[in-house]
Amino acid sequence: MAVLLVIEDDASVREGLELALRRQGHAVHTAGTGERGLEIMTGQAPDIVVLDLMLPGMDGFETCRRIRAAGQTPIIMLTARSDDFDIVAGLEAGADDYVVKPVEPRVLDARIRAVLRRATADRDARENEAEQHGDLVIDRAGMQVTKHGEPVALTPTELKLLLELSRTPGQVYSRQQILTAVWEHDYLGDSRLVDACIQRLRSKIEDVPARPDHVQTVRGFGYRFGRS
């Protein structure tokens, strides 16, 4: 049973989500503001946060950034705002997935379980030797990445993406393949998740993100790790 924190200002939506997610077998804490959500985070340590974007006071972007700054708790943004700018901004703030309202409870439950599986797999993955890729060192056993000898702070999804791409340097992956491997679904309409996460990853591991050395774009197809 996963412990969820739902941060949603609309009382009727919040109560509906709480009821539906409890029926899916989860324990659910709720908050009506970002500030209250952060208070609950310190005492309850939820397994995952479902976060609305349009909150009174501290908005969902800032709440997401503060949760991410405090740790690696997975975050799903659940919001009625569906334009590309909001999706990219949400992912850049540190969210692991982005779901547009309205959403069927069973679909939201599936997305929650997928994000939790990724986070668990990240923690449990074990491979012995650190890999050297130029200035980048990937320690799969320790689930750590360093650049120029300094630790790189990656979210669970960014780390999963890097581990998948770097597992076979030089191999080209389509966006659909990456969605399946990292997000565990293959709905091509969500390919923006891949592009946004690649941008975030590049901003952390590349010297010049606009001219990447590690994560290359293969025009018309997808991405590969390392140069051809």
C-alpha atoms as a PDB file:
ATOM      1  CA  MET A   1       0.000   0.000   0.000  1.00  0.00           C
ATOM      2  CA  ALA A   2       1.456   3.317  -1.071  1.00  0.00           C
ATOM      3  CA  VAL A   3       1.090   6.461   1.003  1.00  0.00           C
ATOM      4  CA  LEU A   4      -0.051   9.387  -1.152  1.00  0.00           C
ATOM      5  CA  LEU A   5      -0.220  13.104  -0.539  1.00  0.00           C
ATOM      6  CA  VAL A   6      -2.816  14.904  -2.679  1.00  0.00           C
ATOM      7  CA  ILE A   7      -2.394  18.705  -2.804  1.00  0.00           C
ATOM      8  CA  GLU A   8      -5.523  20.175  -4.395  1.00  0.00           C
ATOM      9  CA  ASP A   9      -7.348  23.408  -3.512  1.00  0.00           C
ATOM     10  CA  ASP A  10     -10.797  22.472  -4.865  1.00  0.00           C
ATOM     11  CA  ALA A  11     -12.498  20.696  -1.955  1.00  0.00           C
ATOM     12  CA  SER A  12     -14.863  18.638  -4.104  1.00  0.00           C
ATOM     13  CA  VAL A  13     -12.050  17.476  -6.410  1.00  0.00           C
ATOM     14  CA  ARG A  14      -9.798  16.783  -3.411  1.00  0.00           C
ATOM     15  CA  GLU A  15     -12.440  14.679  -1.669  1.00  0.00           C
ATOM     16  CA  GLY A  16     -13.248  12.824  -4.885  1.00  0.00           C
ATOM     17  CA  LEU A  17      -9.572  11.990  -5.477  1.00  0.00           C
ATOM     18  CA  GLU A  18      -9.129  10.877  -1.879  1.00  0.00           C
ATOM     19  CA  LEU A  19     -12.104   8.527  -2.096  1.00  0.00           C
ATOM     20  CA  ALA A  20     -11.130   7.135  -5.502  1.00  0.00           C
ATOM     21  CA  LEU A  21      -7.489   6.555  -4.570  1.00  0.00           C
ATOM     22  CA  ARG A  22      -8.428   4.907  -1.272  1.00  0.00           C
ATOM     23  CA  ARG A  23     -10.604   2.527  -3.291  1.00  0.00           C
ATOM     24  CA  GLN A  24      -7.494   1.708  -5.361  1.00  0.00           C
ATOM     25  CA  GLY A  25      -5.783   0.566  -2.164  1.00  0.00           C
ATOM     26  CA  HIS A  26      -3.716   3.633  -1.271  1.00  0.00           C
ATOM     27  CA  ALA A  27      -3.433   5.509   2.013  1.00  0.00           C
ATOM     28  CA  VAL A  28      -4.134   9.167   1.262  1.00  0.00           C
ATOM     29  CA  HIS A  29      -3.242  12.421   3.014  1.00  0.00           C
ATOM     30  CA  THR A  30      -4.691  15.634   1.601  1.00  0.00           C
ATOM     31  CA  ALA A  31      -3.860  19.345   1.678  1.00  0.00           C
ATOM     32  CA  GLY A  32      -5.643  22.370   0.245  1.00  0.00           C
ATOM     33  CA  THR A  33      -2.530  24.543  -0.215  1.00  0.00           C
ATOM     34  CA  GLY A  34       1.125  24.101  -1.084  1.00  0.00           C
ATOM     35  CA  GLU A  35       2.134  25.424   2.308  1.00  0.00           C
ATOM     36  CA  ARG A  36       0.010  22.827   4.114  1.00  0.00           C
ATOM     37  CA  GLY A  37       1.331  20.134   1.806  1.00  0.00           C
ATOM     38  CA  LEU A  38       4.917  20.961   2.740  1.00  0.00           C
ATOM     39  CA  GLU A  39       3.979  20.754   6.426  1.00  0.00           C
ATOM     40  CA  ILE A  40       2.520  17.283   5.893  1.00  0.00           C
ATOM     41  CA  MET A  41       5.639  16.245   3.954  1.00  0.00           C
ATOM     42  CA  THR A  42       7.819  16.775   7.008  1.00  0.00           C
ATOM     43  CA  GLY A  43       5.698  14.585   9.255  1.00  0.00           C
ATOM     44  CA  GLN A  44       4.239  11.875   7.030  1.00  0.00           C
ATOM     45  CA  ALA A  45       6.950  11.114   4.407  1.00  0.00           C
ATOM     46  CA  PRO A  46       4.555  10.055   1.621  1.00  0.00           C
ATOM     47  CA  ASP A  47       5.696   7.689  -1.123  1.00  0.00           C
ATOM     48  CA  ILE A  48       4.432  10.036  -3.850  1.00  0.00           C
ATOM     49  CA  VAL A  49       2.798  13.470  -4.213  1.00  0.00           C
ATOM     50  CA  VAL A  50      -0.118  14.253  -6.567  1.00  0.00           C
ATOM     51  CA  LEU A  51       0.086  18.008  -7.025  1.00  0.00           C
ATOM     52  CA  ASP A  52      -2.339  20.508  -8.516  1.00  0.00           C
ATOM     53  CA  LEU A  53      -0.774  23.425 -10.383  1.00  0.00           C
ATOM     54  CA  MET A  54      -3.217  26.239  -9.684  1.00  0.00           C
ATOM     55  CA  LEU A  55      -3.053  26.651  -5.927  1.00  0.00           C
ATOM     56  CA  PRO A  56      -3.770  29.742  -3.817  1.00  0.00           C
ATOM     57  CA  GLY A  57      -0.671  31.315  -2.258  1.00  0.00           C
ATOM     58  CA  MET A  58       2.326  29.194  -3.201  1.00  0.00           C
ATOM     59  CA  ASP A  59       1.531  27.780  -6.651  1.00  0.00           C
ATOM     60  CA  GLY A  60       2.180  24.232  -7.823  1.00  0.00           C
ATOM     61  CA  PHE A  61       5.472  25.087  -9.563  1.00  0.00           C
ATOM     62  CA  GLU A  62       7.021  26.538  -6.403  1.00  0.00           C
ATOM     63  CA  THR A  63       5.589  23.743  -4.253  1.00  0.00           C
ATOM     64  CA  CYS A  64       7.135  21.212  -6.648  1.00  0.00           C
ATOM     65  CA  ARG A  65      10.518  22.929  -6.532  1.00  0.00           C
ATOM     66  CA  ARG A  66      10.508  22.954  -2.723  1.00  0.00           C
ATOM     67  CA  ILE A  67       9.558  19.277  -2.495  1.00  0.00           C
ATOM     68  CA  ARG A  68      12.304  18.415  -4.970  1.00  0.00           C
ATOM     69  CA  ALA A  69      14.869  20.515  -3.123  1.00  0.00           C
ATOM     70  CA  ALA A  70      14.086  18.580   0.047  1.00  0.00           C
ATOM     71  CA  GLY A  71      14.419  15.091  -1.420  1.00  0.00           C
ATOM     72  CA  GLN A  72      13.586  12.580  -4.139  1.00  0.00           C
ATOM     73  CA  THR A  73       9.890  11.946  -3.397  1.00  0.00           C
ATOM     74  CA  PRO A  74       8.204  11.281  -6.768  1.00  0.00           C
ATOM     75  CA  ILE A  75       5.743  13.976  -7.920  1.00  0.00           C
ATOM     76  CA  ILE A  76       2.861  13.775 -10.403  1.00  0.00           C
ATOM     77  CA  MET A  77       1.359  17.081 -11.518  1.00  0.00           C
ATOM     78  CA  LEU A  78      -2.401  16.814 -11.995  1.00  0.00           C
ATOM     79  CA  THR A  79      -3.870  19.912 -13.585  1.00  0.00           C
ATOM     80  CA  ALA A  80      -6.365  21.270 -16.100  1.00  0.00           C
ATOM     81  CA  ARG A  81      -3.577  23.260 -17.813  1.00  0.00           C
ATOM     82  CA  SER A  82      -2.456  21.282 -20.867  1.00  0.00           C
ATOM     83  CA  ASP A  83      -0.374  23.601 -23.041  1.00  0.00           C
ATOM     84  CA  ASP A  84       3.244  22.755 -23.813  1.00  0.00           C
ATOM     85  CA  PHE A  85       4.608  25.643 -21.757  1.00  0.00           C
ATOM     86  CA  ASP A  86       2.953  24.368 -18.577  1.00  0.00           C
ATOM     87  CA  ILE A  87       4.025  20.770 -19.205  1.00  0.00           C
ATOM     88  CA  VAL A  88       7.647  21.755 -19.765  1.00  0.00           C
ATOM     89  CA  ALA A  89       7.596  24.148 -16.794  1.00  0.00           C
ATOM     90  CA  GLY A  90       6.139  21.442 -14.561  1.00  0.00           C
ATOM     91  CA  LEU A  91       8.755  18.900 -15.559  1.00  0.00           C
ATOM     92  CA  GLU A  92      11.538  21.466 -15.234  1.00  0.00           C
ATOM     93  CA  ALA A  93      10.318  22.212 -11.716  1.00  0.00           C
ATOM     94  CA  GLY A  94      11.032  18.576 -10.881  1.00  0.00           C
ATOM     95  CA  ALA A  95       7.814  16.651 -11.549  1.00  0.00           C
ATOM     96  CA  ASP A  96       8.186  13.028 -12.671  1.00  0.00           C
ATOM     97  CA  ASP A  97       4.955  12.896 -14.661  1.00  0.00           C
ATOM     98  CA  TYR A  98       2.235  15.286 -15.815  1.00  0.00           C
ATOM     99  CA  VAL A  99      -1.443  14.280 -16.029  1.00  0.00           C
ATOM    100  CA  VAL A 100      -4.172  16.509 -17.456  1.00  0.00           C
ATOM    101  CA  LYS A 101      -7.617  16.691 -15.825  1.00  0.00           C
ATOM    102  CA  PRO A 102     -10.127  15.223 -16.068  1.00  0.00           C
ATOM    103  CA  VAL A 103      -8.621  11.790 -15.620  1.00  0.00           C
ATOM    104  CA  GLU A 104     -10.225   8.455 -14.784  1.00  0.00           C
ATOM    105  CA  PRO A 105      -9.173   7.220 -11.313  1.00  0.00           C
ATOM    106  CA  ARG A 106      -7.910   3.934 -12.737  1.00  0.00           C
ATOM    107  CA  VAL A 107      -5.714   5.824 -15.233  1.00  0.00           C
ATOM    108  CA  LEU A 108      -4.312   8.035 -12.483  1.00  0.00           C
ATOM    109  CA  ASP A 109      -3.738   4.932 -10.368  1.00  0.00           C
ATOM    110  CA  ALA A 110      -1.814   3.324 -13.255  1.00  0.00           C
ATOM    111  CA  ARG A 111       0.377   6.436 -13.634  1.00  0.00           C
ATOM    112  CA  ILE A 112       1.006   6.502  -9.869  1.00  0.00           C
ATOM    113  CA  ARG A 113       2.032   2.847  -9.836  1.00  0.00           C
ATOM    114  CA  ALA A 114       4.298   3.340 -12.865  1.00  0.00           C
ATOM    115  CA  VAL A 115       6.123   6.243 -11.214  1.00  0.00           C
ATOM    116  CA  LEU A 116       6.481   4.259  -7.990  1.00  0.00           C
ATOM    117  CA  ARG A 117       7.876   1.262  -9.893  1.00  0.00           C
ATOM    118  CA  ARG A 118      10.481   3.501 -11.509  1.00  0.00           C
ATOM    119  CA  ALA A 119      11.473   4.964  -8.165  1.00  0.00           C
ATOM    120  CA  THR A 120      11.711   1.504  -6.593  1.00  0.00           C
ATOM    121  CA  ALA A 121      13.694   0.122  -9.507  1.00  0.00           C
ATOM    122  CA  ASP A 122      16.084   3.040  -9.252  1.00  0.00           C
ATOM    123  CA  ARG A 123      16.706   2.296  -5.594  1.00  0.00           C
ATOM    124  CA  ASP A 124      17.046  -1.459  -6.124  1.00  0.00           C
ATOM    125  CA  ALA A 125      19.188  -1.455  -9.262  1.00  0.00           C
ATOM    126  CA  ARG A 126      22.576  -2.982  -8.675  1.00  0.00           C
ATOM    127  CA  GLU A 127      25.577  -2.988 -10.989  1.00  0.00           C
ATOM    128  CA  ASN A 128      29.079  -3.072  -9.599  1.00  0.00           C
ATOM    129  CA  GLU A 129      31.426  -0.842 -11.562  1.00  0.00           C
ATOM    130  CA  ALA A 130      31.167   2.877 -12.131  1.00  0.00           C
ATOM    131  CA  GLU A 131      31.263   3.837 -15.812  1.00  0.00           C
ATOM    132  CA  GLN A 132      33.501   6.630 -17.108  1.00  0.00           C
ATOM    133  CA  HIS A 133      32.138   8.643 -20.023  1.00  0.00           C
ATOM    134  CA  GLY A 134      34.569  11.524 -20.461  1.00  0.00           C
ATOM    135  CA  ASP A 135      33.982  13.914 -17.584  1.00  0.00           C
ATOM    136  CA  LEU A 136      30.902  11.960 -16.493  1.00  0.00           C
ATOM    137  CA  VAL A 137      30.988   8.994 -14.081  1.00  0.00           C
ATOM    138  CA  ILE A 138      27.885   6.827 -13.665  1.00  0.00           C
ATOM    139  CA  ASP A 139      27.851   4.566 -10.595  1.00  0.00           C
ATOM    140  CA  ARG A 140      24.926   2.209 -11.185  1.00  0.00           C
ATOM    141  CA  ALA A 141      25.399   0.343  -7.900  1.00  0.00           C
ATOM    142  CA  GLY A 142      25.446   3.526  -5.886  1.00  0.00           C
ATOM    143  CA  MET A 143      22.862   5.226  -8.122  1.00  0.00           C
ATOM    144  CA  GLN A 144      25.106   8.272  -8.290  1.00  0.00           C
ATOM    145  CA  VAL A 145      26.389  10.462 -11.095  1.00  0.00           C
ATOM    146  CA  THR A 146      29.373  12.781 -10.875  1.00  0.00           C
ATOM    147  CA  LYS A 147      30.709  15.344 -13.328  1.00  0.00           C
ATOM    148  CA  HIS A 148      34.236  16.682 -12.987  1.00  0.00           C
ATOM    149  CA  GLY A 149      34.241  14.798  -9.669  1.00  0.00           C
ATOM    150  CA  GLU A 150      31.217  16.655  -8.292  1.00  0.00           C
ATOM    151  CA  PRO A 151      27.848  14.925  -7.575  1.00  0.00           C
ATOM    152  CA  VAL A 152      25.045  15.686 -10.040  1.00  0.00           C
ATOM    153  CA  ALA A 153      21.588  16.028  -8.444  1.00  0.00           C
ATOM    154  CA  LEU A 154      19.180  14.104 -10.678  1.00  0.00           C
ATOM    155  CA  THR A 155      15.515  13.322 -10.067  1.00  0.00           C
ATOM    156  CA  PRO A 156      14.525   9.616 -10.130  1.00  0.00           C
ATOM    157  CA  THR A 157      13.152   9.999 -13.659  1.00  0.00           C
ATOM    158  CA  GLU A 158      16.231  11.843 -14.939  1.00  0.00           C
ATOM    159  CA  LEU A 159      18.463   9.158 -13.409  1.00  0.00           C
ATOM    160  CA  LYS A 160      16.350   6.384 -14.945  1.00  0.00           C
ATOM    161  CA  LEU A 161      16.567   8.102 -18.343  1.00  0.00           C
ATOM    162  CA  LEU A 162      20.348   8.463 -18.108  1.00  0.00           C
ATOM    163  CA  LEU A 163      20.805   4.857 -16.984  1.00  0.00           C
ATOM    164  CA  GLU A 164      18.666   3.573 -19.862  1.00  0.00           C
ATOM    165  CA  LEU A 165      20.406   5.637 -22.558  1.00  0.00           C
ATOM    166  CA  SER A 166      23.933   5.011 -21.252  1.00  0.00           C
ATOM    167  CA  ARG A 167      23.386   1.254 -20.926  1.00  0.00           C
ATOM    168  CA  THR A 168      24.183   0.876 -24.655  1.00  0.00           C
ATOM    169  CA  PRO A 169      26.237   3.882 -25.837  1.00  0.00           C
ATOM    170  CA  GLY A 170      25.775   4.667 -29.512  1.00  0.00           C
ATOM    171  CA  GLN A 171      22.409   2.925 -29.826  1.00  0.00           C
ATOM    172  CA  VAL A 172      19.590   5.136 -31.068  1.00  0.00           C
ATOM    173  CA  TYR A 173      16.302   5.047 -29.147  1.00  0.00           C
ATOM    174  CA  SER A 174      13.011   6.374 -30.482  1.00  0.00           C
ATOM    175  CA  ARG A 175      10.845   8.502 -28.229  1.00  0.00           C
ATOM    176  CA  GLN A 176       8.351   5.651 -28.015  1.00  0.00           C
ATOM    177  CA  GLN A 177      11.074   3.242 -26.893  1.00  0.00           C
ATOM    178  CA  ILE A 178      12.181   5.724 -24.251  1.00  0.00           C
ATOM    179  CA  LEU A 179       8.600   6.225 -23.045  1.00  0.00           C
ATOM    180  CA  THR A 180       8.238   2.464 -22.634  1.00  0.00           C
ATOM    181  CA  ALA A 181      11.575   2.014 -20.860  1.00  0.00           C
ATOM    182  CA  VAL A 182      11.433   5.028 -18.535  1.00  0.00           C
ATOM    183  CA  TRP A 183       7.742   5.940 -18.100  1.00  0.00           C
ATOM    184  CA  GLU A 184       6.445   2.394 -18.712  1.00  0.00           C
ATOM    185  CA  HIS A 185       3.812   3.432 -21.208  1.00  0.00           C
ATOM    186  CA  ASP A 186       4.014   3.986 -24.961  1.00  0.00           C
ATOM    187  CA  TYR A 187       1.406   6.639 -25.702  1.00  0.00           C
ATOM    188  CA  LEU A 188       3.261   8.647 -28.319  1.00  0.00           C
ATOM    189  CA  GLY A 189       1.200  11.725 -27.478  1.00  0.00           C
ATOM    190  CA  ASP A 190       3.303  11.954 -24.343  1.00  0.00           C
ATOM    191  CA  SER A 191       6.570  12.229 -26.296  1.00  0.00           C
ATOM    192  CA  ARG A 192       6.885  15.781 -24.963  1.00  0.00           C
ATOM    193  CA  LEU A 193       7.722  14.167 -21.622  1.00  0.00           C
ATOM    194  CA  VAL A 194      10.808  12.679 -23.267  1.00  0.00           C
ATOM    195  CA  ASP A 195      11.929  15.931 -24.889  1.00  0.00           C
ATOM    196  CA  ALA A 196      11.414  17.936 -21.697  1.00  0.00           C
ATOM    197  CA  CYS A 197      13.273  15.392 -19.548  1.00  0.00           C
ATOM    198  CA  ILE A 198      16.139  15.271 -22.074  1.00  0.00           C
ATOM    199  CA  GLN A 199      16.438  19.068 -21.817  1.00  0.00           C
ATOM    200  CA  ARG A 200      16.544  18.911 -18.023  1.00  0.00           C
ATOM    201  CA  LEU A 201      19.125  16.111 -18.104  1.00  0.00           C
ATOM    202  CA  ARG A 202      21.328  18.018 -20.539  1.00  0.00           C
ATOM    203  CA  SER A 203      21.197  21.102 -18.356  1.00  0.00           C
ATOM    204  CA  LYS A 204      22.756  19.050 -15.563  1.00  0.00           C
ATOM    205  CA  ILE A 205      25.317  16.827 -17.320  1.00  0.00           C
ATOM    206  CA  GLU A 206      26.446  18.818 -20.351  1.00  0.00           C
ATOM    207  CA  ASP A 207      29.019  21.635 -20.357  1.00  0.00           C
ATOM    208  CA  VAL A 208      27.043  23.365 -23.114  1.00  0.00           C
ATOM    209  CA  PRO A 209      23.471  21.945 -23.271  1.00  0.00           C
ATOM    210  CA  ALA A 210      22.900  23.450 -26.733  1.00  0.00           C
ATOM    211  CA  ARG A 211      25.916  21.459 -28.023  1.00  0.00           C
ATOM    212  CA  PRO A 212      25.653  18.225 -26.041  1.00  0.00           C
ATOM    213  CA  ASP A 213      28.505  15.722 -25.815  1.00  0.00           C
ATOM    214  CA  HIS A 214      26.637  12.962 -23.995  1.00  0.00           C
ATOM    215  CA  VAL A 215      22.960  12.911 -25.067  1.00  0.00           C
ATOM    216  CA  GLN A 216      22.715  13.385 -28.815  1.00  0.00           C
ATOM    217  CA  THR A 217      19.611  14.140 -30.874  1.00  0.00           C
ATOM    218  CA  VAL A 218      19.161  11.901 -33.912  1.00  0.00           C
ATOM    219  CA  ARG A 219      16.985  14.060 -36.116  1.00  0.00           C
ATOM    220  CA  GLY A 220      13.738  12.440 -37.159  1.00  0.00           C
ATOM    221  CA  PHE A 221      14.164   9.489 -34.825  1.00  0.00           C
ATOM    222  CA  GLY A 222      15.154  10.075 -31.223  1.00  0.00           C
ATOM    223  CA  TYR A 223      18.231  10.132 -29.020  1.00  0.00           C
ATOM    224  CA  ARG A 224      21.434   8.240 -28.318  1.00  0.00           C
ATOM    225  CA  PHE A 225      24.063   8.378 -25.582  1.00  0.00           C
ATOM    226  CA  GLY A 226      27.531   9.316 -26.786  1.00  0.00           C
ATOM    227  CA  ARG A 227      28.730  10.232 -30.227  1.00  0.00           C
ATOM    228  CA  SER A 228      28.260   7.901 -33.193  1.00  0.00           C
END
